[in-house]
Amino acid sequence: MAILEYLEERYPEVPLLPATEPLRSKVRAFCNIIACDIHPLNNLRVLNYMSNELGATGEQKSTWYSHWIAEGFQAAEQISVSYAHAGPFTFGKDVTLADALLVPQMYNARRFKMPLDEYPRLVAVADACNELQSFKDATPENQPDCN
């Protein structure tokens, strides 16, 4: 979040936070669901620790991963649904920090083959974002160090 806030301040001509409250705070709250509630429990370091130190099987890691994604996505879905009338992105017609955090988390959920039927709005938002060139350019497959 610190890096994203830095970019928001450094490049104000491309705002990723709404100009007014309370929407700015709602975007930040959505971001924190992903950055604080989902991601720390599902990053590679944690998953490797579960395998290497705790002896968790692939199935156990998958169950762990799916549980914490579901917990966060349930809350995120509820928030995003209330803005569906306003446009294709998490909070309406403009891309925000919320979309920048949602798309990689959705990528990982798909990579781990997590069922996403309960999150149609989040799936639709991620799909809308992935139509934009900036999101296409940011996919892991398009990074120079991708194996």
N, C-alpha and C. Protein backbone atom coordinates (compact mmCIF):
# COMPACT_ATOMS: atom_id res chain seq x y z
N MET A 1 0.83 -1.19 0.00
CA MET A 1 0.00 0.00 0.00
C MET A 1 0.87 1.26 0.00
N ALA A 2 2.00 1.21 0.67
CA ALA A 2 2.87 2.38 0.71
C ALA A 2 3.34 2.75 -0.70
N ILE A 3 3.68 1.76 -1.49
CA ILE A 3 4.13 2.02 -2.85
C ILE A 3 2.98 2.61 -3.69
N LEU A 4 1.80 2.05 -3.54
CA LEU A 4 0.65 2.56 -4.29
C LEU A 4 0.29 3.99 -3.87
N GLU A 5 0.38 4.26 -2.57
CA GLU A 5 0.11 5.63 -2.09
C GLU A 5 1.18 6.59 -2.64
N TYR A 6 2.44 6.14 -2.69
CA TYR A 6 3.51 6.94 -3.27
C TYR A 6 3.20 7.28 -4.73
N LEU A 7 2.80 6.26 -5.50
CA LEU A 7 2.49 6.49 -6.90
C LEU A 7 1.32 7.46 -7.06
N GLU A 8 0.35 7.34 -6.16
CA GLU A 8 -0.80 8.25 -6.19
C GLU A 8 -0.34 9.69 -5.99
N GLU A 9 0.57 9.90 -5.08
CA GLU A 9 1.07 11.25 -4.80
C GLU A 9 2.04 11.74 -5.87
N ARG A 10 2.86 10.85 -6.38
CA ARG A 10 3.89 11.22 -7.36
C ARG A 10 3.32 11.52 -8.73
N TYR A 11 2.24 10.83 -9.10
CA TYR A 11 1.64 10.99 -10.42
C TYR A 11 0.16 11.38 -10.30
N PRO A 12 -0.11 12.58 -9.82
CA PRO A 12 -1.50 12.98 -9.60
C PRO A 12 -2.32 13.11 -10.88
N GLU A 13 -1.66 13.18 -12.03
CA GLU A 13 -2.39 13.28 -13.30
C GLU A 13 -3.10 11.99 -13.66
N VAL A 14 -2.74 10.89 -13.01
CA VAL A 14 -3.41 9.61 -13.21
C VAL A 14 -3.90 9.14 -11.83
N PRO A 15 -4.96 9.75 -11.33
CA PRO A 15 -5.39 9.42 -9.97
C PRO A 15 -5.95 8.00 -9.85
N LEU A 16 -5.57 7.35 -8.77
CA LEU A 16 -6.09 6.01 -8.47
C LEU A 16 -6.93 6.01 -7.21
N LEU A 17 -7.08 7.17 -6.63
CA LEU A 17 -8.01 7.35 -5.51
C LEU A 17 -9.05 8.39 -5.93
N PRO A 18 -10.30 8.19 -5.57
CA PRO A 18 -11.32 9.20 -5.87
C PRO A 18 -10.97 10.53 -5.21
N ALA A 19 -11.46 11.60 -5.78
CA ALA A 19 -11.12 12.94 -5.29
C ALA A 19 -11.80 13.28 -3.97
N THR A 20 -12.90 12.62 -3.67
CA THR A 20 -13.69 13.04 -2.50
C THR A 20 -13.92 11.88 -1.52
N GLU A 21 -14.21 12.28 -0.31
CA GLU A 21 -14.63 11.35 0.73
C GLU A 21 -16.15 11.25 0.67
N PRO A 22 -16.74 10.18 1.06
CA PRO A 22 -16.14 9.01 1.73
C PRO A 22 -15.62 7.95 0.77
N LEU A 23 -15.70 8.21 -0.54
CA LEU A 23 -15.29 7.18 -1.49
C LEU A 23 -13.80 6.86 -1.39
N ARG A 24 -12.97 7.86 -1.12
CA ARG A 24 -11.52 7.60 -0.94
C ARG A 24 -11.30 6.57 0.15
N SER A 25 -11.98 6.73 1.25
CA SER A 25 -11.82 5.81 2.38
C SER A 25 -12.37 4.44 2.06
N LYS A 26 -13.44 4.38 1.29
CA LYS A 26 -14.00 3.08 0.91
C LYS A 26 -13.05 2.32 0.00
N VAL A 27 -12.38 3.02 -0.91
CA VAL A 27 -11.39 2.39 -1.76
C VAL A 27 -10.25 1.84 -0.91
N ARG A 28 -9.78 2.65 0.03
CA ARG A 28 -8.70 2.18 0.92
C ARG A 28 -9.15 0.98 1.74
N ALA A 29 -10.37 0.98 2.23
CA ALA A 29 -10.87 -0.14 3.01
C ALA A 29 -10.90 -1.42 2.17
N PHE A 30 -11.37 -1.30 0.94
CA PHE A 30 -11.38 -2.44 0.01
C PHE A 30 -9.95 -2.95 -0.19
N CYS A 31 -9.02 -2.03 -0.41
CA CYS A 31 -7.62 -2.42 -0.61
C CYS A 31 -7.09 -3.17 0.61
N ASN A 32 -7.46 -2.72 1.78
CA ASN A 32 -6.97 -3.38 2.99
C ASN A 32 -7.52 -4.78 3.16
N ILE A 33 -8.69 -5.05 2.64
CA ILE A 33 -9.21 -6.43 2.67
C ILE A 33 -8.22 -7.35 1.96
N ILE A 34 -7.73 -6.89 0.83
CA ILE A 34 -6.80 -7.71 0.05
C ILE A 34 -5.39 -7.65 0.64
N ALA A 35 -4.90 -6.44 0.90
CA ALA A 35 -3.52 -6.27 1.35
C ALA A 35 -3.28 -6.79 2.76
N CYS A 36 -4.28 -6.74 3.61
CA CYS A 36 -4.09 -7.11 5.02
C CYS A 36 -4.74 -8.42 5.41
N ASP A 37 -5.86 -8.75 4.80
CA ASP A 37 -6.61 -9.94 5.20
C ASP A 37 -6.35 -11.16 4.31
N ILE A 38 -6.14 -10.95 3.03
CA ILE A 38 -5.97 -12.08 2.12
C ILE A 38 -4.49 -12.34 1.84
N HIS A 39 -3.83 -11.38 1.30
CA HIS A 39 -2.47 -11.59 0.78
C HIS A 39 -1.47 -12.11 1.82
N PRO A 40 -1.39 -11.55 3.02
CA PRO A 40 -0.37 -12.05 3.95
C PRO A 40 -0.51 -13.53 4.28
N LEU A 41 -1.71 -14.05 4.25
CA LEU A 41 -1.93 -15.46 4.57
C LEU A 41 -1.72 -16.38 3.39
N ASN A 42 -1.62 -15.82 2.20
CA ASN A 42 -1.54 -16.64 1.00
C ASN A 42 -0.31 -16.38 0.14
N ASN A 43 0.63 -15.62 0.66
CA ASN A 43 1.79 -15.38 -0.18
C ASN A 43 2.69 -16.61 -0.21
N LEU A 44 3.59 -16.65 -1.15
CA LEU A 44 4.42 -17.82 -1.38
C LEU A 44 5.24 -18.20 -0.15
N ARG A 45 5.71 -17.21 0.58
CA ARG A 45 6.50 -17.47 1.78
C ARG A 45 5.72 -18.29 2.78
N VAL A 46 4.45 -17.94 2.99
CA VAL A 46 3.59 -18.67 3.93
C VAL A 46 3.31 -20.07 3.41
N LEU A 47 2.97 -20.18 2.13
CA LEU A 47 2.67 -21.49 1.55
C LEU A 47 3.89 -22.42 1.60
N ASN A 48 5.07 -21.86 1.34
CA ASN A 48 6.29 -22.68 1.43
C ASN A 48 6.56 -23.10 2.87
N TYR A 49 6.33 -22.23 3.82
CA TYR A 49 6.51 -22.57 5.24
C TYR A 49 5.57 -23.71 5.63
N MET A 50 4.34 -23.62 5.15
CA MET A 50 3.39 -24.68 5.47
C MET A 50 3.90 -26.04 4.98
N SER A 51 4.47 -26.06 3.79
CA SER A 51 5.00 -27.32 3.24
C SER A 51 6.28 -27.74 3.93
N ASN A 52 7.24 -26.84 3.93
CA ASN A 52 8.59 -27.18 4.37
C ASN A 52 8.72 -27.37 5.87
N GLU A 53 8.02 -26.58 6.65
CA GLU A 53 8.18 -26.63 8.10
C GLU A 53 7.07 -27.39 8.81
N LEU A 54 5.87 -27.34 8.25
CA LEU A 54 4.73 -27.96 8.91
C LEU A 54 4.29 -29.25 8.24
N GLY A 55 4.88 -29.54 7.09
CA GLY A 55 4.56 -30.78 6.39
C GLY A 55 3.18 -30.81 5.77
N ALA A 56 2.62 -29.65 5.49
CA ALA A 56 1.29 -29.59 4.88
C ALA A 56 1.33 -30.18 3.47
N THR A 57 0.31 -30.92 3.14
CA THR A 57 0.19 -31.48 1.79
C THR A 57 -0.31 -30.40 0.84
N GLY A 58 -0.23 -30.69 -0.43
CA GLY A 58 -0.78 -29.78 -1.43
C GLY A 58 -2.25 -29.53 -1.21
N GLU A 59 -2.98 -30.57 -0.85
CA GLU A 59 -4.41 -30.43 -0.59
C GLU A 59 -4.66 -29.54 0.62
N GLN A 60 -3.88 -29.69 1.66
CA GLN A 60 -4.04 -28.85 2.85
C GLN A 60 -3.72 -27.39 2.54
N LYS A 61 -2.68 -27.17 1.76
CA LYS A 61 -2.35 -25.79 1.37
C LYS A 61 -3.46 -25.20 0.53
N SER A 62 -4.02 -25.98 -0.36
CA SER A 62 -5.12 -25.51 -1.20
C SER A 62 -6.34 -25.15 -0.36
N THR A 63 -6.63 -25.98 0.64
CA THR A 63 -7.76 -25.70 1.54
C THR A 63 -7.51 -24.41 2.31
N TRP A 64 -6.31 -24.23 2.82
CA TRP A 64 -5.93 -23.01 3.53
C TRP A 64 -6.10 -21.80 2.62
N TYR A 65 -5.52 -21.89 1.44
CA TYR A 65 -5.57 -20.79 0.48
C TYR A 65 -7.01 -20.42 0.14
N SER A 66 -7.80 -21.41 -0.19
CA SER A 66 -9.19 -21.17 -0.57
C SER A 66 -10.00 -20.56 0.56
N HIS A 67 -9.75 -21.01 1.78
CA HIS A 67 -10.48 -20.47 2.93
C HIS A 67 -10.25 -18.97 3.07
N TRP A 68 -8.99 -18.54 3.03
CA TRP A 68 -8.70 -17.13 3.26
C TRP A 68 -9.07 -16.25 2.08
N ILE A 69 -8.99 -16.78 0.88
CA ILE A 69 -9.50 -16.04 -0.28
C ILE A 69 -11.01 -15.85 -0.13
N ALA A 70 -11.71 -16.92 0.22
CA ALA A 70 -13.17 -16.83 0.37
C ALA A 70 -13.56 -15.82 1.43
N GLU A 71 -12.87 -15.83 2.56
CA GLU A 71 -13.19 -14.87 3.62
C GLU A 71 -13.08 -13.43 3.10
N GLY A 72 -11.99 -13.14 2.42
CA GLY A 72 -11.79 -11.79 1.90
C GLY A 72 -12.68 -11.46 0.72
N PHE A 73 -12.84 -12.40 -0.19
CA PHE A 73 -13.66 -12.14 -1.37
C PHE A 73 -15.13 -11.95 -1.02
N GLN A 74 -15.62 -12.60 0.01
CA GLN A 74 -17.02 -12.40 0.43
C GLN A 74 -17.24 -10.94 0.80
N ALA A 75 -16.33 -10.39 1.59
CA ALA A 75 -16.45 -8.98 1.98
C ALA A 75 -16.26 -8.06 0.78
N ALA A 76 -15.27 -8.35 -0.06
CA ALA A 76 -14.99 -7.52 -1.23
C ALA A 76 -16.15 -7.54 -2.22
N GLU A 77 -16.76 -8.71 -2.40
CA GLU A 77 -17.91 -8.84 -3.30
C GLU A 77 -19.05 -7.94 -2.83
N GLN A 78 -19.34 -7.96 -1.56
CA GLN A 78 -20.44 -7.14 -1.01
C GLN A 78 -20.19 -5.66 -1.26
N ILE A 79 -18.97 -5.23 -1.06
CA ILE A 79 -18.65 -3.82 -1.29
C ILE A 79 -18.80 -3.48 -2.77
N SER A 80 -18.20 -4.28 -3.63
CA SER A 80 -18.19 -3.97 -5.05
C SER A 80 -19.57 -4.03 -5.68
N VAL A 81 -20.41 -4.95 -5.22
CA VAL A 81 -21.76 -5.07 -5.77
C VAL A 81 -22.53 -3.76 -5.63
N SER A 82 -22.29 -3.06 -4.55
CA SER A 82 -23.04 -1.81 -4.34
C SER A 82 -22.63 -0.71 -5.31
N TYR A 83 -21.55 -0.92 -6.07
CA TYR A 83 -21.11 0.07 -7.06
C TYR A 83 -21.26 -0.43 -8.49
N ALA A 84 -21.86 -1.60 -8.67
CA ALA A 84 -22.00 -2.19 -10.01
C ALA A 84 -22.75 -1.28 -10.97
N HIS A 85 -23.73 -0.55 -10.46
CA HIS A 85 -24.52 0.35 -11.32
C HIS A 85 -23.69 1.50 -11.87
N ALA A 86 -22.56 1.80 -11.23
CA ALA A 86 -21.77 2.98 -11.59
C ALA A 86 -20.73 2.72 -12.67
N GLY A 87 -20.44 1.45 -12.97
CA GLY A 87 -19.47 1.17 -14.01
C GLY A 87 -18.81 -0.18 -13.83
N PRO A 88 -17.89 -0.52 -14.72
CA PRO A 88 -17.34 -1.87 -14.75
C PRO A 88 -16.25 -2.16 -13.72
N PHE A 89 -15.74 -1.12 -13.06
CA PHE A 89 -14.64 -1.34 -12.14
C PHE A 89 -15.16 -1.40 -10.70
N THR A 90 -14.29 -1.72 -9.77
CA THR A 90 -14.72 -1.97 -8.39
C THR A 90 -15.61 -0.87 -7.86
N PHE A 91 -15.23 0.38 -8.11
CA PHE A 91 -16.00 1.50 -7.59
C PHE A 91 -16.60 2.37 -8.69
N GLY A 92 -16.88 1.75 -9.82
CA GLY A 92 -17.59 2.50 -10.86
C GLY A 92 -16.84 2.60 -12.16
N LYS A 93 -16.86 3.80 -12.75
CA LYS A 93 -16.35 3.98 -14.11
C LYS A 93 -14.84 4.18 -14.18
N ASP A 94 -14.20 4.47 -13.04
CA ASP A 94 -12.77 4.74 -13.05
C ASP A 94 -12.00 3.63 -12.35
N VAL A 95 -10.83 3.32 -12.88
CA VAL A 95 -9.92 2.38 -12.23
C VAL A 95 -9.37 3.05 -10.97
N THR A 96 -9.34 2.28 -9.90
CA THR A 96 -8.79 2.79 -8.64
C THR A 96 -7.75 1.82 -8.10
N LEU A 97 -7.18 2.18 -6.96
CA LEU A 97 -6.25 1.29 -6.27
C LEU A 97 -6.91 -0.06 -5.99
N ALA A 98 -8.21 -0.04 -5.74
CA ALA A 98 -8.93 -1.29 -5.47
C ALA A 98 -8.77 -2.28 -6.62
N ASP A 99 -8.86 -1.80 -7.83
CA ASP A 99 -8.71 -2.66 -9.00
C ASP A 99 -7.27 -3.17 -9.12
N ALA A 100 -6.32 -2.29 -8.80
CA ALA A 100 -4.90 -2.68 -8.87
C ALA A 100 -4.58 -3.80 -7.89
N LEU A 101 -5.28 -3.87 -6.77
CA LEU A 101 -5.07 -4.96 -5.82
C LEU A 101 -5.92 -6.18 -6.13
N LEU A 102 -7.12 -5.97 -6.64
CA LEU A 102 -8.01 -7.09 -6.93
C LEU A 102 -7.47 -7.98 -8.05
N VAL A 103 -7.00 -7.40 -9.12
CA VAL A 103 -6.61 -8.18 -10.29
C VAL A 103 -5.53 -9.22 -9.98
N PRO A 104 -4.45 -8.88 -9.30
CA PRO A 104 -3.47 -9.93 -9.00
C PRO A 104 -4.00 -11.00 -8.04
N GLN A 105 -4.87 -10.60 -7.12
CA GLN A 105 -5.43 -11.60 -6.21
C GLN A 105 -6.37 -12.53 -6.96
N MET A 106 -7.11 -12.00 -7.92
CA MET A 106 -7.98 -12.84 -8.75
C MET A 106 -7.12 -13.76 -9.64
N TYR A 107 -6.02 -13.24 -10.13
CA TYR A 107 -5.10 -14.06 -10.92
C TYR A 107 -4.65 -15.27 -10.10
N ASN A 108 -4.26 -15.02 -8.86
CA ASN A 108 -3.81 -16.11 -7.99
C ASN A 108 -4.94 -17.08 -7.67
N ALA A 109 -6.12 -16.57 -7.43
CA ALA A 109 -7.26 -17.45 -7.15
C ALA A 109 -7.50 -18.38 -8.34
N ARG A 110 -7.40 -17.84 -9.53
CA ARG A 110 -7.57 -18.67 -10.73
C ARG A 110 -6.41 -19.65 -10.89
N ARG A 111 -5.22 -19.21 -10.58
CA ARG A 111 -4.04 -20.07 -10.68
C ARG A 111 -4.16 -21.27 -9.75
N PHE A 112 -4.75 -21.04 -8.57
CA PHE A 112 -4.95 -22.13 -7.62
C PHE A 112 -6.29 -22.83 -7.82
N LYS A 113 -6.95 -22.51 -8.94
CA LYS A 113 -8.20 -23.18 -9.33
C LYS A 113 -9.29 -23.09 -8.26
N MET A 114 -9.37 -21.92 -7.64
CA MET A 114 -10.40 -21.70 -6.64
C MET A 114 -11.73 -21.41 -7.32
N PRO A 115 -12.80 -22.04 -6.88
CA PRO A 115 -14.12 -21.72 -7.45
C PRO A 115 -14.48 -20.25 -7.19
N LEU A 116 -14.95 -19.58 -8.22
CA LEU A 116 -15.25 -18.16 -8.11
C LEU A 116 -16.72 -17.84 -8.36
N ASP A 117 -17.57 -18.86 -8.40
CA ASP A 117 -18.99 -18.67 -8.70
C ASP A 117 -19.69 -17.72 -7.72
N GLU A 118 -19.22 -17.67 -6.49
CA GLU A 118 -19.86 -16.82 -5.48
C GLU A 118 -19.45 -15.36 -5.59
N TYR A 119 -18.57 -15.04 -6.53
CA TYR A 119 -18.04 -13.68 -6.64
C TYR A 119 -18.19 -13.13 -8.05
N PRO A 120 -19.40 -13.13 -8.60
CA PRO A 120 -19.56 -12.71 -10.00
C PRO A 120 -19.15 -11.26 -10.25
N ARG A 121 -19.37 -10.40 -9.29
CA ARG A 121 -18.98 -9.00 -9.49
C ARG A 121 -17.46 -8.87 -9.51
N LEU A 122 -16.76 -9.54 -8.62
CA LEU A 122 -15.30 -9.46 -8.61
C LEU A 122 -14.72 -10.04 -9.90
N VAL A 123 -15.29 -11.14 -10.37
CA VAL A 123 -14.84 -11.73 -11.63
C VAL A 123 -15.06 -10.74 -12.77
N ALA A 124 -16.23 -10.11 -12.81
CA ALA A 124 -16.53 -9.14 -13.87
C ALA A 124 -15.58 -7.94 -13.81
N VAL A 125 -15.29 -7.47 -12.62
CA VAL A 125 -14.37 -6.33 -12.47
C VAL A 125 -12.98 -6.72 -12.97
N ALA A 126 -12.49 -7.87 -12.53
CA ALA A 126 -11.16 -8.30 -12.97
C ALA A 126 -11.12 -8.48 -14.49
N ASP A 127 -12.16 -9.04 -15.05
CA ASP A 127 -12.21 -9.20 -16.51
C ASP A 127 -12.22 -7.85 -17.22
N ALA A 128 -12.95 -6.88 -16.69
CA ALA A 128 -12.97 -5.54 -17.28
C ALA A 128 -11.59 -4.90 -17.20
N CYS A 129 -10.93 -5.04 -16.08
CA CYS A 129 -9.58 -4.50 -15.92
C CYS A 129 -8.62 -5.15 -16.91
N ASN A 130 -8.74 -6.45 -17.06
CA ASN A 130 -7.82 -7.19 -17.93
C ASN A 130 -8.01 -6.90 -19.41
N GLU A 131 -9.03 -6.13 -19.74
CA GLU A 131 -9.20 -5.64 -21.11
C GLU A 131 -8.34 -4.40 -21.37
N LEU A 132 -7.89 -3.75 -20.31
CA LEU A 132 -7.08 -2.53 -20.44
C LEU A 132 -5.62 -2.89 -20.68
N GLN A 133 -4.97 -2.14 -21.54
CA GLN A 133 -3.58 -2.45 -21.90
C GLN A 133 -2.66 -2.42 -20.69
N SER A 134 -2.86 -1.49 -19.79
CA SER A 134 -1.97 -1.41 -18.62
C SER A 134 -2.04 -2.67 -17.77
N PHE A 135 -3.21 -3.27 -17.65
CA PHE A 135 -3.34 -4.52 -16.91
C PHE A 135 -2.76 -5.69 -17.70
N LYS A 136 -2.96 -5.67 -19.01
CA LYS A 136 -2.36 -6.72 -19.84
C LYS A 136 -0.84 -6.70 -19.72
N ASP A 137 -0.28 -5.49 -19.76
CA ASP A 137 1.17 -5.34 -19.67
C ASP A 137 1.71 -5.81 -18.32
N ALA A 138 0.88 -5.78 -17.28
CA ALA A 138 1.34 -6.11 -15.93
C ALA A 138 1.19 -7.59 -15.57
N THR A 139 0.63 -8.40 -16.45
CA THR A 139 0.45 -9.82 -16.11
C THR A 139 1.82 -10.48 -15.91
N PRO A 140 1.87 -11.47 -15.05
CA PRO A 140 3.15 -12.14 -14.82
C PRO A 140 3.79 -12.67 -16.11
N GLU A 141 2.99 -13.17 -17.01
CA GLU A 141 3.51 -13.71 -18.26
C GLU A 141 4.22 -12.64 -19.12
N ASN A 142 3.88 -11.40 -18.91
CA ASN A 142 4.47 -10.33 -19.70
C ASN A 142 5.65 -9.64 -19.02
N GLN A 143 6.15 -10.24 -17.94
CA GLN A 143 7.30 -9.68 -17.24
C GLN A 143 8.58 -10.30 -17.77
N PRO A 144 9.64 -9.52 -17.88
CA PRO A 144 10.87 -10.05 -18.46
C PRO A 144 11.48 -11.21 -17.69
N ASP A 145 11.21 -11.30 -16.39
CA ASP A 145 11.80 -12.38 -15.60
C ASP A 145 10.88 -13.58 -15.42
N CYS A 146 9.80 -13.63 -16.22
CA CYS A 146 8.86 -14.75 -16.12
C CYS A 146 9.49 -16.00 -16.74
N ASN A 147 9.35 -17.07 -16.02
CA ASN A 147 9.89 -18.34 -16.54
C ASN A 147 8.82 -19.12 -17.24
